Amino acid sequence: MVPPNPQLRQQVIKIYKELLYLGREYPLGYDYFRSRLHKAFASQAGIEDEEKIKQGIERAEYVKKGTSQVLLAFHCATTVLILLHRNRSFVSKSVILLDDAYNVH
């Protein structure tokens, strides 16, 4: 068995840690995210072909970007809901003003 390329190994470890860090705020919980992430990486542990390892790293980077966007959207939606809940009377007045402004009745 040929030892893996140390640079690729470091890249795999780095992306794993980055994804794990993002998982802290995953809507379904950190434990759910961590177990799924571990299974995904463990299923690819036997790959020795450097080209396939590079493709896996690229796929993980793609997932990382998507996860970041999902978390951002989740945080934005949560923030909006919290603000709406805290300011119900303000929102009601705003809707009435908008209705009046656009002659919606």
N, C-alpha and C. Protein backbone atom coordinates (compact mmCIF):
# COMPACT_ATOMS: atom_id res chain seq x y z
N MET A 1 0.84 -1.18 0.00
CA MET A 1 0.00 0.00 0.00
C MET A 1 0.88 1.25 0.00
N VAL A 2 0.59 2.16 -0.91
CA VAL A 2 1.37 3.39 -1.04
C VAL A 2 0.85 4.42 -0.03
N PRO A 3 1.74 5.05 0.73
CA PRO A 3 1.28 6.06 1.68
C PRO A 3 0.61 7.22 0.94
N PRO A 4 -0.44 7.79 1.53
CA PRO A 4 -1.14 8.89 0.86
C PRO A 4 -0.28 10.14 0.78
N ASN A 5 -0.59 10.95 -0.20
CA ASN A 5 0.08 12.23 -0.38
C ASN A 5 -0.20 13.09 0.87
N PRO A 6 0.85 13.51 1.60
CA PRO A 6 0.64 14.28 2.84
C PRO A 6 -0.11 15.59 2.62
N GLN A 7 0.09 16.23 1.46
CA GLN A 7 -0.61 17.49 1.19
C GLN A 7 -2.11 17.25 1.01
N LEU A 8 -2.45 16.19 0.28
CA LEU A 8 -3.86 15.87 0.10
C LEU A 8 -4.50 15.48 1.42
N ARG A 9 -3.75 14.74 2.22
CA ARG A 9 -4.26 14.32 3.52
C ARG A 9 -4.59 15.54 4.38
N GLN A 10 -3.70 16.53 4.36
CA GLN A 10 -3.92 17.76 5.13
C GLN A 10 -5.14 18.52 4.60
N GLN A 11 -5.33 18.52 3.27
CA GLN A 11 -6.49 19.20 2.69
C GLN A 11 -7.79 18.52 3.13
N VAL A 12 -7.78 17.19 3.14
CA VAL A 12 -8.96 16.45 3.57
C VAL A 12 -9.27 16.75 5.04
N ILE A 13 -8.26 16.74 5.87
CA ILE A 13 -8.46 17.03 7.30
C ILE A 13 -8.98 18.46 7.48
N LYS A 14 -8.43 19.40 6.72
CA LYS A 14 -8.83 20.80 6.82
C LYS A 14 -10.30 20.98 6.44
N ILE A 15 -10.73 20.40 5.32
CA ILE A 15 -12.11 20.58 4.88
C ILE A 15 -13.06 19.87 5.85
N TYR A 16 -12.62 18.75 6.39
CA TYR A 16 -13.44 18.04 7.38
C TYR A 16 -13.66 18.93 8.61
N LYS A 17 -12.59 19.55 9.09
CA LYS A 17 -12.70 20.43 10.26
C LYS A 17 -13.56 21.66 9.97
N GLU A 18 -13.43 22.20 8.76
CA GLU A 18 -14.23 23.37 8.38
C GLU A 18 -15.72 23.02 8.34
N LEU A 19 -16.03 21.87 7.76
CA LEU A 19 -17.42 21.43 7.71
C LEU A 19 -17.95 21.14 9.12
N LEU A 20 -17.12 20.54 9.93
CA LEU A 20 -17.51 20.23 11.30
C LEU A 20 -17.81 21.53 12.07
N TYR A 21 -17.01 22.55 11.82
CA TYR A 21 -17.22 23.84 12.47
C TYR A 21 -18.57 24.44 12.03
N LEU A 22 -18.86 24.36 10.73
CA LEU A 22 -20.14 24.87 10.23
C LEU A 22 -21.32 24.12 10.85
N GLY A 23 -21.12 22.86 11.12
CA GLY A 23 -22.19 22.03 11.66
C GLY A 23 -22.66 22.43 13.04
N ARG A 24 -21.90 23.25 13.73
CA ARG A 24 -22.31 23.70 15.07
C ARG A 24 -23.66 24.38 15.05
N GLU A 25 -23.96 25.06 13.95
CA GLU A 25 -25.20 25.83 13.87
C GLU A 25 -26.21 25.21 12.90
N TYR A 26 -26.01 23.96 12.56
CA TYR A 26 -26.92 23.30 11.62
C TYR A 26 -28.30 23.18 12.25
N PRO A 27 -29.36 23.50 11.50
CA PRO A 27 -30.72 23.51 12.07
C PRO A 27 -31.16 22.19 12.71
N LEU A 28 -30.70 21.06 12.21
CA LEU A 28 -31.09 19.77 12.78
C LEU A 28 -30.20 19.34 13.94
N GLY A 29 -29.24 20.16 14.29
CA GLY A 29 -28.38 19.88 15.43
C GLY A 29 -27.00 19.41 15.04
N TYR A 30 -26.07 19.70 15.92
CA TYR A 30 -24.66 19.37 15.68
C TYR A 30 -24.43 17.86 15.62
N ASP A 31 -25.05 17.12 16.52
CA ASP A 31 -24.84 15.66 16.54
C ASP A 31 -25.32 15.02 15.24
N TYR A 32 -26.46 15.47 14.73
CA TYR A 32 -26.97 14.96 13.46
C TYR A 32 -25.96 15.25 12.34
N PHE A 33 -25.50 16.49 12.29
CA PHE A 33 -24.56 16.91 11.24
C PHE A 33 -23.25 16.13 11.35
N ARG A 34 -22.73 16.03 12.58
CA ARG A 34 -21.44 15.39 12.79
C ARG A 34 -21.48 13.91 12.39
N SER A 35 -22.55 13.22 12.75
CA SER A 35 -22.63 11.79 12.40
C SER A 35 -22.74 11.61 10.89
N ARG A 36 -23.49 12.47 10.23
CA ARG A 36 -23.60 12.39 8.76
C ARG A 36 -22.26 12.70 8.09
N LEU A 37 -21.60 13.72 8.59
CA LEU A 37 -20.30 14.10 8.03
C LEU A 37 -19.29 12.98 8.21
N HIS A 38 -19.26 12.40 9.40
CA HIS A 38 -18.32 11.30 9.67
C HIS A 38 -18.58 10.12 8.74
N LYS A 39 -19.84 9.76 8.56
CA LYS A 39 -20.19 8.65 7.66
C LYS A 39 -19.75 8.94 6.23
N ALA A 40 -19.98 10.17 5.79
CA ALA A 40 -19.61 10.55 4.42
C ALA A 40 -18.11 10.45 4.20
N PHE A 41 -17.33 10.94 5.15
CA PHE A 41 -15.88 10.88 5.01
C PHE A 41 -15.36 9.46 5.20
N ALA A 42 -15.91 8.74 6.15
CA ALA A 42 -15.46 7.37 6.42
C ALA A 42 -15.73 6.45 5.22
N SER A 43 -16.81 6.71 4.51
CA SER A 43 -17.13 5.87 3.35
C SER A 43 -16.12 6.04 2.22
N GLN A 44 -15.37 7.13 2.26
CA GLN A 44 -14.38 7.41 1.22
C GLN A 44 -12.94 7.18 1.69
N ALA A 45 -12.79 6.64 2.88
CA ALA A 45 -11.46 6.51 3.49
C ALA A 45 -10.52 5.58 2.73
N GLY A 46 -11.06 4.64 1.98
CA GLY A 46 -10.21 3.68 1.29
C GLY A 46 -9.70 4.15 -0.07
N ILE A 47 -10.09 5.32 -0.49
CA ILE A 47 -9.67 5.83 -1.80
C ILE A 47 -8.17 6.15 -1.77
N GLU A 48 -7.45 5.62 -2.76
CA GLU A 48 -6.01 5.87 -2.84
C GLU A 48 -5.62 6.67 -4.08
N ASP A 49 -6.50 6.70 -5.07
CA ASP A 49 -6.22 7.42 -6.31
C ASP A 49 -6.26 8.93 -6.03
N GLU A 50 -5.15 9.61 -6.29
CA GLU A 50 -5.05 11.04 -5.97
C GLU A 50 -6.08 11.87 -6.71
N GLU A 51 -6.39 11.49 -7.93
CA GLU A 51 -7.37 12.24 -8.72
C GLU A 51 -8.75 12.14 -8.07
N LYS A 52 -9.10 10.97 -7.58
CA LYS A 52 -10.40 10.79 -6.91
C LYS A 52 -10.44 11.53 -5.58
N ILE A 53 -9.31 11.58 -4.91
CA ILE A 53 -9.23 12.33 -3.65
C ILE A 53 -9.44 13.82 -3.92
N LYS A 54 -8.83 14.33 -4.99
CA LYS A 54 -9.00 15.74 -5.36
C LYS A 54 -10.46 16.02 -5.71
N GLN A 55 -11.10 15.10 -6.41
CA GLN A 55 -12.52 15.27 -6.74
C GLN A 55 -13.37 15.30 -5.46
N GLY A 56 -13.01 14.46 -4.50
CA GLY A 56 -13.71 14.45 -3.22
C GLY A 56 -13.55 15.75 -2.47
N ILE A 57 -12.35 16.32 -2.52
CA ILE A 57 -12.10 17.61 -1.87
C ILE A 57 -12.93 18.70 -2.54
N GLU A 58 -12.99 18.68 -3.87
CA GLU A 58 -13.80 19.67 -4.60
C GLU A 58 -15.28 19.52 -4.23
N ARG A 59 -15.75 18.29 -4.12
CA ARG A 59 -17.14 18.04 -3.74
C ARG A 59 -17.40 18.56 -2.32
N ALA A 60 -16.45 18.35 -1.43
CA ALA A 60 -16.59 18.82 -0.05
C ALA A 60 -16.62 20.36 0.00
N GLU A 61 -15.82 21.00 -0.83
CA GLU A 61 -15.82 22.47 -0.91
C GLU A 61 -17.19 22.97 -1.38
N TYR A 62 -17.76 22.28 -2.35
CA TYR A 62 -19.08 22.62 -2.87
C TYR A 62 -20.13 22.50 -1.77
N VAL A 63 -20.06 21.42 -1.02
CA VAL A 63 -20.98 21.20 0.11
C VAL A 63 -20.80 22.28 1.15
N LYS A 64 -19.55 22.66 1.40
CA LYS A 64 -19.26 23.70 2.39
C LYS A 64 -19.92 25.02 1.99
N LYS A 65 -19.82 25.38 0.72
CA LYS A 65 -20.45 26.63 0.25
C LYS A 65 -21.96 26.55 0.39
N GLY A 66 -22.53 25.42 0.01
CA GLY A 66 -23.98 25.23 0.13
C GLY A 66 -24.44 25.27 1.57
N THR A 67 -23.68 24.63 2.45
CA THR A 67 -24.03 24.62 3.87
C THR A 67 -23.96 26.03 4.45
N SER A 68 -22.95 26.79 4.04
CA SER A 68 -22.83 28.17 4.51
C SER A 68 -24.04 28.99 4.10
N GLN A 69 -24.49 28.80 2.86
CA GLN A 69 -25.64 29.55 2.36
C GLN A 69 -26.92 29.13 3.07
N VAL A 70 -27.07 27.84 3.33
CA VAL A 70 -28.25 27.35 4.05
C VAL A 70 -28.27 27.95 5.45
N LEU A 71 -27.13 27.93 6.12
CA LEU A 71 -27.06 28.47 7.48
C LEU A 71 -27.34 29.97 7.49
N LEU A 72 -26.83 30.68 6.49
CA LEU A 72 -27.08 32.12 6.40
C LEU A 72 -28.57 32.38 6.20
N ALA A 73 -29.18 31.64 5.30
CA ALA A 73 -30.62 31.80 5.06
C ALA A 73 -31.42 31.46 6.32
N PHE A 74 -31.01 30.40 7.01
CA PHE A 74 -31.69 30.00 8.24
C PHE A 74 -31.59 31.10 9.28
N HIS A 75 -30.39 31.68 9.44
CA HIS A 75 -30.21 32.75 10.42
C HIS A 75 -31.02 33.99 10.05
N CYS A 76 -31.05 34.32 8.76
CA CYS A 76 -31.83 35.49 8.33
C CYS A 76 -33.31 35.27 8.61
N ALA A 77 -33.81 34.10 8.26
CA ALA A 77 -35.23 33.80 8.49
C ALA A 77 -35.55 33.81 9.98
N THR A 78 -34.68 33.24 10.78
CA THR A 78 -34.88 33.22 12.23
C THR A 78 -34.89 34.63 12.79
N THR A 79 -33.96 35.45 12.33
CA THR A 79 -33.90 36.84 12.80
C THR A 79 -35.18 37.59 12.44
N VAL A 80 -35.65 37.41 11.22
CA VAL A 80 -36.88 38.07 10.79
C VAL A 80 -38.05 37.62 11.66
N LEU A 81 -38.15 36.33 11.91
CA LEU A 81 -39.25 35.82 12.75
C LEU A 81 -39.18 36.37 14.17
N ILE A 82 -37.98 36.45 14.72
CA ILE A 82 -37.82 37.01 16.06
C ILE A 82 -38.24 38.48 16.08
N LEU A 83 -37.78 39.22 15.08
CA LEU A 83 -38.15 40.64 15.02
C LEU A 83 -39.65 40.82 14.83
N LEU A 84 -40.24 40.00 14.00
CA LEU A 84 -41.68 40.09 13.79
C LEU A 84 -42.43 39.76 15.08
N HIS A 85 -41.96 38.75 15.78
CA HIS A 85 -42.62 38.37 17.03
C HIS A 85 -42.50 39.48 18.08
N ARG A 86 -41.33 40.07 18.17
CA ARG A 86 -41.11 41.13 19.17
C ARG A 86 -41.87 42.40 18.84
N ASN A 87 -42.07 42.65 17.56
CA ASN A 87 -42.65 43.92 17.13
C ASN A 87 -43.98 43.70 16.41
N ARG A 88 -44.84 42.87 16.97
CA ARG A 88 -46.11 42.57 16.31
C ARG A 88 -46.93 43.82 16.05
N SER A 89 -47.01 44.69 17.02
CA SER A 89 -47.83 45.88 16.83
C SER A 89 -47.22 46.79 15.76
N PHE A 90 -45.89 46.88 15.73
CA PHE A 90 -45.22 47.68 14.72
C PHE A 90 -45.48 47.11 13.32
N VAL A 91 -45.41 45.80 13.20
CA VAL A 91 -45.64 45.15 11.91
C VAL A 91 -47.08 45.38 11.47
N SER A 92 -48.02 45.24 12.38
CA SER A 92 -49.43 45.45 12.04
C SER A 92 -49.65 46.86 11.53
N LYS A 93 -49.07 47.84 12.22
CA LYS A 93 -49.21 49.23 11.79
C LYS A 93 -48.55 49.45 10.43
N SER A 94 -47.40 48.80 10.21
CA SER A 94 -46.70 48.94 8.92
C SER A 94 -47.54 48.37 7.79
N VAL A 95 -48.16 47.23 8.02
CA VAL A 95 -48.99 46.61 6.99
C VAL A 95 -50.18 47.51 6.68
N ILE A 96 -50.78 48.09 7.71
CA ILE A 96 -51.91 48.99 7.48
C ILE A 96 -51.46 50.20 6.67
N LEU A 97 -50.30 50.76 7.01
CA LEU A 97 -49.78 51.92 6.27
C LEU A 97 -49.49 51.54 4.82
N LEU A 98 -48.92 50.37 4.60
CA LEU A 98 -48.65 49.93 3.23
C LEU A 98 -49.95 49.70 2.47
N ASP A 99 -50.94 49.12 3.13
CA ASP A 99 -52.24 48.92 2.50
C ASP A 99 -52.83 50.27 2.07
N ASP A 100 -52.75 51.25 2.96
CA ASP A 100 -53.28 52.57 2.65
C ASP A 100 -52.48 53.23 1.51
N ALA A 101 -51.17 53.05 1.53
CA ALA A 101 -50.32 53.66 0.51
C ALA A 101 -50.63 53.10 -0.88
N TYR A 102 -50.95 51.81 -0.94
CA TYR A 102 -51.21 51.17 -2.22
C TYR A 102 -52.71 50.99 -2.48
N ASN A 103 -53.56 51.62 -1.64
CA ASN A 103 -55.00 51.54 -1.77
C ASN A 103 -55.50 50.10 -1.83
N VAL A 104 -54.97 49.26 -0.97
CA VAL A 104 -55.40 47.88 -0.90
C VAL A 104 -56.39 47.77 0.25
N HIS A 105 -57.60 47.36 -0.08
CA HIS A 105 -58.63 47.20 0.97
C HIS A 105 -59.43 45.97 0.75
